[in-house]
Amino acid sequence: MRADAQRNRARILDAAEQVFAAEGAGASTEEVARLAGVAIGTVFRHFPAKDDLLTAIMKRLLARLIEQAGALSGADGLFTFFTELVSQAAQQRTVITLTGVDLGAAMGALDEAVGRLLGEAQAAHAVRAELGLSEVMALLTSLCAGALRGGWGSALQHRTLAVVFAGMKGTRG
């Protein structure tokens, strides 16, 4: 892909993230094109259908999450990842519940990254030994869904995460 085409694609994705985060999956691709500073035809050359654009946003988001999880380690890595992810979901209200989008490989990589963080936390005795990856991913999903609903100020995020972390540690919050 030519350098200018790569720049256009990146600008389109940046704009689409903003537009869809603000307006939801029903937002117009015309608004994406306007914000990206490209013609609507340029958007459709890169993403023939709106679902293609939404899928690309999701894959990009998952790649960032995998990178963030990969940069963390140690006993507190899992808790840091939870905190950052919930904060991002609350702030950006990113569209993460798309139907019909196959993100299998990316989700597998996210599972691996979170599983590594879980294993390190368990090895350091910072997380209950019986807690499995399925439970951790369910907690992450639930917390992010709550944050996406809105009204999650930092005080509510802090209190909610404290309760979840206490349960993960096997302590009373």
N, C-alpha and C. Protein backbone atom coordinates (compact mmCIF):
# COMPACT_ATOMS: atom_id res chain seq x y z
N MET A 1 0.85 -1.17 0.00
CA MET A 1 0.00 0.00 0.00
C MET A 1 0.90 1.24 0.00
N ARG A 2 0.55 2.21 -0.82
CA ARG A 2 1.31 3.46 -0.91
C ARG A 2 1.24 4.21 0.42
N ALA A 3 2.24 5.06 0.64
CA ALA A 3 2.33 5.80 1.90
C ALA A 3 1.11 6.71 2.10
N ASP A 4 0.66 7.38 1.04
CA ASP A 4 -0.51 8.27 1.19
C ASP A 4 -1.77 7.47 1.46
N ALA A 5 -1.87 6.29 0.87
CA ALA A 5 -3.03 5.43 1.13
C ALA A 5 -3.01 4.93 2.57
N GLN A 6 -1.83 4.61 3.09
CA GLN A 6 -1.71 4.19 4.49
C GLN A 6 -2.10 5.32 5.43
N ARG A 7 -1.66 6.54 5.11
CA ARG A 7 -2.03 7.70 5.93
C ARG A 7 -3.53 7.92 5.91
N ASN A 8 -4.14 7.82 4.72
CA ASN A 8 -5.59 7.99 4.61
C ASN A 8 -6.32 6.93 5.43
N ARG A 9 -5.86 5.70 5.34
CA ARG A 9 -6.50 4.61 6.09
C ARG A 9 -6.41 4.89 7.60
N ALA A 10 -5.25 5.32 8.06
CA ALA A 10 -5.08 5.63 9.48
C ALA A 10 -5.98 6.80 9.90
N ARG A 11 -6.06 7.84 9.07
CA ARG A 11 -6.92 8.98 9.38
C ARG A 11 -8.39 8.57 9.42
N ILE A 12 -8.78 7.71 8.49
CA ILE A 12 -10.16 7.23 8.47
C ILE A 12 -10.46 6.45 9.75
N LEU A 13 -9.55 5.56 10.14
CA LEU A 13 -9.77 4.77 11.36
C LEU A 13 -9.80 5.66 12.60
N ASP A 14 -8.91 6.64 12.67
CA ASP A 14 -8.91 7.58 13.80
C ASP A 14 -10.25 8.32 13.87
N ALA A 15 -10.69 8.82 12.72
CA ALA A 15 -11.96 9.54 12.67
C ALA A 15 -13.13 8.62 13.01
N ALA A 16 -13.11 7.42 12.48
CA ALA A 16 -14.20 6.47 12.73
C ALA A 16 -14.29 6.14 14.22
N GLU A 17 -13.15 5.96 14.87
CA GLU A 17 -13.18 5.69 16.31
C GLU A 17 -13.87 6.82 17.05
N GLN A 18 -13.56 8.05 16.70
CA GLN A 18 -14.17 9.21 17.35
C GLN A 18 -15.67 9.26 17.06
N VAL A 19 -16.03 9.13 15.81
CA VAL A 19 -17.43 9.25 15.41
C VAL A 19 -18.28 8.14 16.02
N PHE A 20 -17.82 6.90 15.92
CA PHE A 20 -18.60 5.78 16.43
C PHE A 20 -18.64 5.78 17.96
N ALA A 21 -17.56 6.25 18.59
CA ALA A 21 -17.57 6.34 20.06
C ALA A 21 -18.60 7.37 20.52
N ALA A 22 -18.72 8.46 19.79
CA ALA A 22 -19.65 9.53 20.16
C ALA A 22 -21.09 9.21 19.79
N GLU A 23 -21.28 8.58 18.62
CA GLU A 23 -22.63 8.41 18.09
C GLU A 23 -23.11 6.97 18.03
N GLY A 24 -22.23 6.01 18.31
CA GLY A 24 -22.62 4.62 18.23
C GLY A 24 -22.44 4.05 16.84
N ALA A 25 -22.75 2.76 16.70
CA ALA A 25 -22.53 2.05 15.44
C ALA A 25 -23.42 2.56 14.31
N GLY A 26 -24.46 3.31 14.63
CA GLY A 26 -25.35 3.85 13.61
C GLY A 26 -24.85 5.15 12.99
N ALA A 27 -23.70 5.64 13.42
CA ALA A 27 -23.16 6.90 12.89
C ALA A 27 -22.90 6.78 11.39
N SER A 28 -22.88 7.93 10.73
CA SER A 28 -22.74 7.92 9.27
C SER A 28 -21.28 7.87 8.84
N THR A 29 -21.04 7.17 7.74
CA THR A 29 -19.70 7.13 7.17
C THR A 29 -19.36 8.49 6.54
N GLU A 30 -20.37 9.26 6.18
CA GLU A 30 -20.12 10.61 5.66
C GLU A 30 -19.45 11.48 6.72
N GLU A 31 -19.90 11.34 7.98
CA GLU A 31 -19.28 12.08 9.09
C GLU A 31 -17.85 11.61 9.30
N VAL A 32 -17.60 10.32 9.14
CA VAL A 32 -16.24 9.79 9.25
C VAL A 32 -15.36 10.42 8.18
N ALA A 33 -15.84 10.44 6.95
CA ALA A 33 -15.07 11.02 5.85
C ALA A 33 -14.78 12.50 6.11
N ARG A 34 -15.79 13.24 6.57
CA ARG A 34 -15.62 14.67 6.84
C ARG A 34 -14.54 14.89 7.89
N LEU A 35 -14.63 14.14 8.99
CA LEU A 35 -13.67 14.30 10.07
C LEU A 35 -12.26 13.88 9.64
N ALA A 36 -12.17 12.87 8.80
CA ALA A 36 -10.86 12.38 8.32
C ALA A 36 -10.28 13.30 7.25
N GLY A 37 -11.12 14.16 6.68
CA GLY A 37 -10.65 15.06 5.63
C GLY A 37 -10.44 14.36 4.30
N VAL A 38 -11.27 13.34 4.03
CA VAL A 38 -11.20 12.61 2.77
C VAL A 38 -12.59 12.54 2.15
N ALA A 39 -12.64 12.21 0.88
CA ALA A 39 -13.92 12.02 0.20
C ALA A 39 -14.54 10.70 0.63
N ILE A 40 -15.86 10.62 0.56
CA ILE A 40 -16.56 9.40 0.94
C ILE A 40 -16.08 8.21 0.11
N GLY A 41 -15.72 8.47 -1.15
CA GLY A 41 -15.21 7.40 -2.01
C GLY A 41 -13.92 6.80 -1.47
N THR A 42 -13.09 7.63 -0.83
CA THR A 42 -11.85 7.14 -0.24
C THR A 42 -12.16 6.20 0.93
N VAL A 43 -13.16 6.56 1.72
CA VAL A 43 -13.57 5.68 2.82
C VAL A 43 -13.98 4.32 2.26
N PHE A 44 -14.82 4.34 1.22
CA PHE A 44 -15.33 3.08 0.66
C PHE A 44 -14.27 2.29 -0.10
N ARG A 45 -13.22 2.96 -0.62
CA ARG A 45 -12.13 2.22 -1.25
C ARG A 45 -11.39 1.38 -0.20
N HIS A 46 -11.23 1.94 0.98
CA HIS A 46 -10.54 1.22 2.06
C HIS A 46 -11.47 0.24 2.78
N PHE A 47 -12.73 0.65 2.92
CA PHE A 47 -13.71 -0.14 3.68
C PHE A 47 -15.01 -0.18 2.88
N PRO A 48 -15.17 -1.21 2.01
CA PRO A 48 -16.32 -1.27 1.11
C PRO A 48 -17.69 -1.21 1.79
N ALA A 49 -17.76 -1.65 3.03
CA ALA A 49 -19.03 -1.62 3.77
C ALA A 49 -18.76 -1.09 5.18
N LYS A 50 -19.78 -0.55 5.79
CA LYS A 50 -19.65 -0.02 7.15
C LYS A 50 -19.16 -1.10 8.11
N ASP A 51 -19.63 -2.34 7.93
CA ASP A 51 -19.18 -3.43 8.79
C ASP A 51 -17.67 -3.66 8.67
N ASP A 52 -17.11 -3.44 7.48
CA ASP A 52 -15.66 -3.57 7.30
C ASP A 52 -14.93 -2.52 8.14
N LEU A 53 -15.48 -1.31 8.17
CA LEU A 53 -14.89 -0.24 8.97
C LEU A 53 -15.00 -0.55 10.46
N LEU A 54 -16.16 -1.01 10.89
CA LEU A 54 -16.35 -1.36 12.29
C LEU A 54 -15.44 -2.52 12.70
N THR A 55 -15.29 -3.50 11.83
CA THR A 55 -14.40 -4.63 12.11
C THR A 55 -12.96 -4.15 12.25
N ALA A 56 -12.53 -3.25 11.36
CA ALA A 56 -11.16 -2.72 11.43
C ALA A 56 -10.94 -1.95 12.73
N ILE A 57 -11.95 -1.21 13.17
CA ILE A 57 -11.84 -0.49 14.45
C ILE A 57 -11.66 -1.49 15.59
N MET A 58 -12.47 -2.53 15.58
CA MET A 58 -12.39 -3.53 16.65
C MET A 58 -11.03 -4.23 16.66
N LYS A 59 -10.54 -4.59 15.48
CA LYS A 59 -9.23 -5.26 15.41
C LYS A 59 -8.13 -4.34 15.91
N ARG A 60 -8.23 -3.07 15.57
CA ARG A 60 -7.25 -2.08 16.02
C ARG A 60 -7.31 -1.92 17.55
N LEU A 61 -8.52 -1.86 18.08
CA LEU A 61 -8.70 -1.74 19.52
C LEU A 61 -8.13 -2.96 20.24
N LEU A 62 -8.42 -4.14 19.73
CA LEU A 62 -7.90 -5.36 20.34
C LEU A 62 -6.38 -5.43 20.26
N ALA A 63 -5.81 -4.97 19.15
CA ALA A 63 -4.36 -4.94 19.03
C ALA A 63 -3.75 -4.03 20.09
N ARG A 64 -4.38 -2.88 20.33
CA ARG A 64 -3.89 -1.97 21.38
C ARG A 64 -4.01 -2.62 22.76
N LEU A 65 -5.11 -3.32 23.01
CA LEU A 65 -5.29 -3.98 24.30
C LEU A 65 -4.24 -5.06 24.52
N ILE A 66 -3.94 -5.82 23.47
CA ILE A 66 -2.93 -6.87 23.55
C ILE A 66 -1.57 -6.25 23.83
N GLU A 67 -1.28 -5.13 23.17
CA GLU A 67 -0.02 -4.43 23.39
C GLU A 67 0.06 -3.91 24.83
N GLN A 68 -1.03 -3.33 25.32
CA GLN A 68 -1.04 -2.84 26.70
C GLN A 68 -0.82 -3.97 27.70
N ALA A 69 -1.52 -5.07 27.50
CA ALA A 69 -1.37 -6.22 28.41
C ALA A 69 0.05 -6.77 28.32
N GLY A 70 0.62 -6.80 27.12
CA GLY A 70 1.97 -7.32 26.94
C GLY A 70 3.03 -6.48 27.62
N ALA A 71 2.76 -5.20 27.81
CA ALA A 71 3.72 -4.30 28.45
C ALA A 71 3.69 -4.40 29.97
N LEU A 72 2.69 -5.09 30.50
CA LEU A 72 2.54 -5.20 31.96
C LEU A 72 3.08 -6.54 32.44
N SER A 73 3.44 -6.59 33.70
CA SER A 73 3.89 -7.85 34.29
C SER A 73 3.83 -7.75 35.79
N GLY A 74 4.09 -8.87 36.43
CA GLY A 74 4.17 -8.92 37.88
C GLY A 74 2.83 -9.08 38.56
N ALA A 75 2.88 -9.02 39.87
CA ALA A 75 1.70 -9.27 40.70
C ALA A 75 0.57 -8.27 40.42
N ASP A 76 0.91 -7.03 40.11
CA ASP A 76 -0.12 -6.02 39.90
C ASP A 76 -0.50 -5.80 38.44
N GLY A 77 0.14 -6.51 37.52
CA GLY A 77 -0.13 -6.31 36.09
C GLY A 77 -1.59 -6.51 35.73
N LEU A 78 -2.20 -7.56 36.26
CA LEU A 78 -3.60 -7.85 35.96
C LEU A 78 -4.50 -6.74 36.47
N PHE A 79 -4.24 -6.25 37.68
CA PHE A 79 -5.06 -5.19 38.26
C PHE A 79 -4.88 -3.88 37.48
N THR A 80 -3.66 -3.61 37.06
CA THR A 80 -3.40 -2.41 36.26
C THR A 80 -4.14 -2.49 34.93
N PHE A 81 -4.12 -3.67 34.30
CA PHE A 81 -4.82 -3.85 33.03
C PHE A 81 -6.32 -3.63 33.21
N PHE A 82 -6.91 -4.22 34.24
CA PHE A 82 -8.33 -4.03 34.54
C PHE A 82 -8.64 -2.54 34.67
N THR A 83 -7.85 -1.85 35.49
CA THR A 83 -8.09 -0.44 35.77
C THR A 83 -8.01 0.39 34.50
N GLU A 84 -6.98 0.18 33.68
CA GLU A 84 -6.81 0.94 32.44
C GLU A 84 -7.94 0.65 31.46
N LEU A 85 -8.31 -0.62 31.33
CA LEU A 85 -9.35 -0.99 30.37
C LEU A 85 -10.70 -0.39 30.75
N VAL A 86 -11.06 -0.47 32.01
CA VAL A 86 -12.34 0.08 32.46
C VAL A 86 -12.34 1.60 32.29
N SER A 87 -11.23 2.24 32.59
CA SER A 87 -11.13 3.69 32.43
C SER A 87 -11.29 4.08 30.96
N GLN A 88 -10.65 3.34 30.07
CA GLN A 88 -10.76 3.62 28.64
C GLN A 88 -12.19 3.44 28.16
N ALA A 89 -12.83 2.37 28.60
CA ALA A 89 -14.21 2.11 28.18
C ALA A 89 -15.12 3.23 28.65
N ALA A 90 -14.92 3.69 29.87
CA ALA A 90 -15.77 4.76 30.42
C ALA A 90 -15.53 6.08 29.70
N GLN A 91 -14.28 6.37 29.36
CA GLN A 91 -13.96 7.63 28.72
C GLN A 91 -14.33 7.65 27.25
N GLN A 92 -14.01 6.60 26.53
CA GLN A 92 -14.17 6.59 25.09
C GLN A 92 -15.53 6.07 24.64
N ARG A 93 -16.20 5.31 25.50
CA ARG A 93 -17.46 4.68 25.14
C ARG A 93 -17.36 4.02 23.76
N THR A 94 -16.24 3.36 23.54
CA THR A 94 -15.97 2.72 22.27
C THR A 94 -16.98 1.62 21.98
N VAL A 95 -17.33 1.49 20.72
CA VAL A 95 -18.28 0.46 20.31
C VAL A 95 -17.56 -0.88 20.38
N ILE A 96 -17.91 -1.70 21.39
CA ILE A 96 -17.25 -3.00 21.53
C ILE A 96 -18.21 -4.16 21.44
N THR A 97 -19.48 -3.89 21.26
CA THR A 97 -20.45 -4.97 21.21
C THR A 97 -21.08 -5.04 19.83
N LEU A 98 -20.27 -5.31 18.83
CA LEU A 98 -20.76 -5.38 17.46
C LEU A 98 -21.22 -6.80 17.17
N THR A 99 -22.31 -6.93 16.49
CA THR A 99 -22.79 -8.26 16.13
C THR A 99 -22.27 -8.63 14.76
N GLY A 100 -22.00 -9.90 14.57
CA GLY A 100 -21.57 -10.38 13.27
C GLY A 100 -20.11 -10.11 12.95
N VAL A 101 -19.30 -9.69 13.91
CA VAL A 101 -17.90 -9.41 13.66
C VAL A 101 -17.07 -10.57 14.19
N ASP A 102 -16.28 -11.19 13.33
CA ASP A 102 -15.45 -12.32 13.73
C ASP A 102 -14.06 -11.81 14.12
N LEU A 103 -13.78 -11.85 15.39
CA LEU A 103 -12.50 -11.36 15.90
C LEU A 103 -11.73 -12.48 16.59
N GLY A 104 -11.97 -13.71 16.15
CA GLY A 104 -11.42 -14.88 16.82
C GLY A 104 -9.94 -14.84 17.10
N ALA A 105 -9.11 -14.58 16.11
CA ALA A 105 -7.65 -14.61 16.31
C ALA A 105 -7.22 -13.51 17.27
N ALA A 106 -7.78 -12.32 17.12
CA ALA A 106 -7.41 -11.22 18.01
C ALA A 106 -7.85 -11.51 19.44
N MET A 107 -9.04 -12.06 19.60
CA MET A 107 -9.52 -12.39 20.94
C MET A 107 -8.64 -13.48 21.57
N GLY A 108 -8.18 -14.42 20.75
CA GLY A 108 -7.28 -15.45 21.25
C GLY A 108 -5.98 -14.84 21.77
N ALA A 109 -5.46 -13.86 21.06
CA ALA A 109 -4.23 -13.18 21.50
C ALA A 109 -4.48 -12.39 22.77
N LEU A 110 -5.66 -11.78 22.90
CA LEU A 110 -5.99 -11.05 24.13
C LEU A 110 -6.12 -12.03 25.29
N ASP A 111 -6.75 -13.17 25.04
CA ASP A 111 -6.85 -14.21 26.07
C ASP A 111 -5.45 -14.63 26.54
N GLU A 112 -4.53 -14.80 25.59
CA GLU A 112 -3.16 -15.19 25.96
C GLU A 112 -2.50 -14.13 26.82
N ALA A 113 -2.65 -12.86 26.43
CA ALA A 113 -2.01 -11.77 27.18
C ALA A 113 -2.59 -11.66 28.58
N VAL A 114 -3.91 -11.72 28.70
CA VAL A 114 -4.55 -11.63 30.01
C VAL A 114 -4.24 -12.90 30.82
N GLY A 115 -4.21 -14.05 30.16
CA GLY A 115 -3.85 -15.29 30.84
C GLY A 115 -2.45 -15.24 31.44
N ARG A 116 -1.52 -14.63 30.71
CA ARG A 116 -0.16 -14.46 31.23
C ARG A 116 -0.17 -13.57 32.47
N LEU A 117 -0.91 -12.45 32.40
CA LEU A 117 -1.01 -11.56 33.57
C LEU A 117 -1.63 -12.29 34.76
N LEU A 118 -2.66 -13.09 34.49
CA LEU A 118 -3.30 -13.86 35.56
C LEU A 118 -2.31 -14.85 36.18
N GLY A 119 -1.58 -15.55 35.35
CA GLY A 119 -0.59 -16.52 35.84
C GLY A 119 0.47 -15.86 36.71
N GLU A 120 0.95 -14.69 36.28
CA GLU A 120 1.96 -13.98 37.07
C GLU A 120 1.38 -13.52 38.41
N ALA A 121 0.15 -13.03 38.38
CA ALA A 121 -0.49 -12.58 39.63
C ALA A 121 -0.71 -13.77 40.57
N GLN A 122 -1.10 -14.90 40.02
CA GLN A 122 -1.30 -16.09 40.85
C GLN A 122 0.03 -16.61 41.39
N ALA A 123 1.08 -16.56 40.58
CA ALA A 123 2.39 -17.02 41.04
C ALA A 123 2.90 -16.15 42.18
N ALA A 124 2.51 -14.88 42.17
CA ALA A 124 2.92 -13.95 43.23
C ALA A 124 1.94 -13.98 44.41
N HIS A 125 0.95 -14.87 44.33
CA HIS A 125 -0.09 -15.00 45.37
C HIS A 125 -0.89 -13.71 45.55
N ALA A 126 -1.02 -12.94 44.46
CA ALA A 126 -1.80 -11.71 44.50
C ALA A 126 -3.25 -11.94 44.07
N VAL A 127 -3.49 -13.11 43.46
CA VAL A 127 -4.82 -13.47 42.98
C VAL A 127 -5.10 -14.91 43.41
N ARG A 128 -6.35 -15.17 43.74
CA ARG A 128 -6.76 -16.52 44.16
C ARG A 128 -6.36 -17.56 43.13
N ALA A 129 -5.86 -18.67 43.58
CA ALA A 129 -5.38 -19.73 42.69
C ALA A 129 -6.51 -20.35 41.88
N GLU A 130 -7.72 -20.39 42.43
CA GLU A 130 -8.83 -21.05 41.72
C GLU A 130 -9.48 -20.17 40.66
N LEU A 131 -9.07 -18.91 40.55
CA LEU A 131 -9.63 -18.01 39.56
C LEU A 131 -9.10 -18.39 38.18
N GLY A 132 -10.00 -18.63 37.24
CA GLY A 132 -9.59 -19.02 35.90
C GLY A 132 -9.72 -17.88 34.90
N LEU A 133 -9.14 -18.08 33.74
CA LEU A 133 -9.18 -17.07 32.68
C LEU A 133 -10.61 -16.75 32.27
N SER A 134 -11.47 -17.75 32.24
CA SER A 134 -12.88 -17.51 31.86
C SER A 134 -13.53 -16.52 32.82
N GLU A 135 -13.28 -16.69 34.11
CA GLU A 135 -13.86 -15.77 35.10
C GLU A 135 -13.28 -14.36 34.95
N VAL A 136 -11.97 -14.28 34.71
CA VAL A 136 -11.32 -12.97 34.55
C VAL A 136 -11.88 -12.25 33.33
N MET A 137 -12.02 -12.96 32.22
CA MET A 137 -12.55 -12.32 31.00
C MET A 137 -14.01 -11.92 31.18
N ALA A 138 -14.78 -12.73 31.92
CA ALA A 138 -16.17 -12.37 32.19
C ALA A 138 -16.23 -11.10 33.05
N LEU A 139 -15.36 -11.00 34.03
CA LEU A 139 -15.31 -9.79 34.86
C LEU A 139 -14.92 -8.57 34.03
N LEU A 140 -13.91 -8.72 33.19
CA LEU A 140 -13.49 -7.61 32.33
C LEU A 140 -14.63 -7.15 31.42
N THR A 141 -15.30 -8.12 30.81
CA THR A 141 -16.40 -7.81 29.91
C THR A 141 -17.52 -7.10 30.64
N SER A 142 -17.86 -7.59 31.81
CA SER A 142 -18.94 -6.98 32.59
C SER A 142 -18.60 -5.57 33.03
N LEU A 143 -17.37 -5.38 33.51
CA LEU A 143 -16.96 -4.06 33.95
C LEU A 143 -16.95 -3.06 32.79
N CYS A 144 -16.46 -3.50 31.65
CA CYS A 144 -16.43 -2.60 30.49
C CYS A 144 -17.84 -2.30 30.00
N ALA A 145 -18.72 -3.28 30.03
CA ALA A 145 -20.11 -3.04 29.64
C ALA A 145 -20.75 -2.01 30.57
N GLY A 146 -20.47 -2.12 31.85
CA GLY A 146 -20.98 -1.13 32.80
C GLY A 146 -20.43 0.24 32.53
N ALA A 147 -19.15 0.32 32.24
CA ALA A 147 -18.52 1.61 31.95
C ALA A 147 -19.07 2.22 30.67
N LEU A 148 -19.38 1.38 29.69
CA LEU A 148 -19.91 1.88 28.42
C LEU A 148 -21.32 2.46 28.56
N ARG A 149 -22.03 2.03 29.58
CA ARG A 149 -23.39 2.54 29.79
C ARG A 149 -23.38 4.01 30.19
N GLY A 150 -22.26 4.47 30.66
CA GLY A 150 -22.15 5.88 31.04
C GLY A 150 -22.37 6.08 32.52
N GLY A 151 -22.09 7.28 32.98
CA GLY A 151 -22.27 7.62 34.38
C GLY A 151 -21.19 7.06 35.29
N TRP A 152 -20.11 6.56 34.71
CA TRP A 152 -19.04 5.96 35.49
C TRP A 152 -17.96 7.00 35.74
N GLY A 153 -18.13 7.79 36.77
CA GLY A 153 -17.08 8.72 37.17
C GLY A 153 -15.95 7.96 37.82
N SER A 154 -14.87 8.65 38.09
CA SER A 154 -13.70 7.97 38.65
C SER A 154 -13.99 7.38 40.04
N ALA A 155 -14.85 8.02 40.82
CA ALA A 155 -15.17 7.49 42.15
C ALA A 155 -15.89 6.15 42.04
N LEU A 156 -16.86 6.04 41.13
CA LEU A 156 -17.57 4.78 40.94
C LEU A 156 -16.64 3.72 40.38
N GLN A 157 -15.79 4.09 39.43
CA GLN A 157 -14.81 3.14 38.89
C GLN A 157 -13.93 2.60 40.02
N HIS A 158 -13.43 3.50 40.85
CA HIS A 158 -12.54 3.10 41.94
C HIS A 158 -13.24 2.14 42.91
N ARG A 159 -14.45 2.47 43.30
CA ARG A 159 -15.19 1.62 44.25
C ARG A 159 -15.50 0.26 43.64
N THR A 160 -15.94 0.26 42.38
CA THR A 160 -16.29 -1.00 41.71
C THR A 160 -15.06 -1.88 41.54
N LEU A 161 -13.96 -1.30 41.09
CA LEU A 161 -12.74 -2.08 40.93
C LEU A 161 -12.23 -2.59 42.27
N ALA A 162 -12.37 -1.81 43.33
CA ALA A 162 -11.94 -2.26 44.66
C ALA A 162 -12.70 -3.51 45.08
N VAL A 163 -14.00 -3.54 44.81
CA VAL A 163 -14.81 -4.71 45.17
C VAL A 163 -14.37 -5.93 44.34
N VAL A 164 -14.19 -5.74 43.05
CA VAL A 164 -13.79 -6.85 42.17
C VAL A 164 -12.40 -7.34 42.55
N PHE A 165 -11.47 -6.40 42.78
CA PHE A 165 -10.10 -6.80 43.13
C PHE A 165 -10.07 -7.54 44.46
N ALA A 166 -10.88 -7.11 45.43
CA ALA A 166 -10.93 -7.81 46.72
C ALA A 166 -11.39 -9.25 46.51
N GLY A 167 -12.38 -9.45 45.65
CA GLY A 167 -12.85 -10.80 45.35
C GLY A 167 -11.79 -11.63 44.64
N MET A 168 -11.06 -11.01 43.73
CA MET A 168 -10.00 -11.73 43.02
C MET A 168 -8.86 -12.11 43.95
N LYS A 169 -8.61 -11.27 44.94
CA LYS A 169 -7.53 -11.53 45.89
C LYS A 169 -7.97 -12.48 46.99
N GLY A 170 -9.29 -12.63 47.14
CA GLY A 170 -9.80 -13.49 48.20
C GLY A 170 -9.87 -12.77 49.53
N THR A 171 -9.98 -11.45 49.46
CA THR A 171 -10.06 -10.65 50.68
C THR A 171 -11.41 -9.91 50.71
N ARG A 172 -11.70 -9.32 51.80
CA ARG A 172 -12.92 -8.49 51.91
C ARG A 172 -12.54 -7.07 51.61
N GLY A 173 -13.33 -6.39 50.69
CA GLY A 173 -13.05 -5.01 50.29
C GLY A 173 -13.62 -4.09 51.25
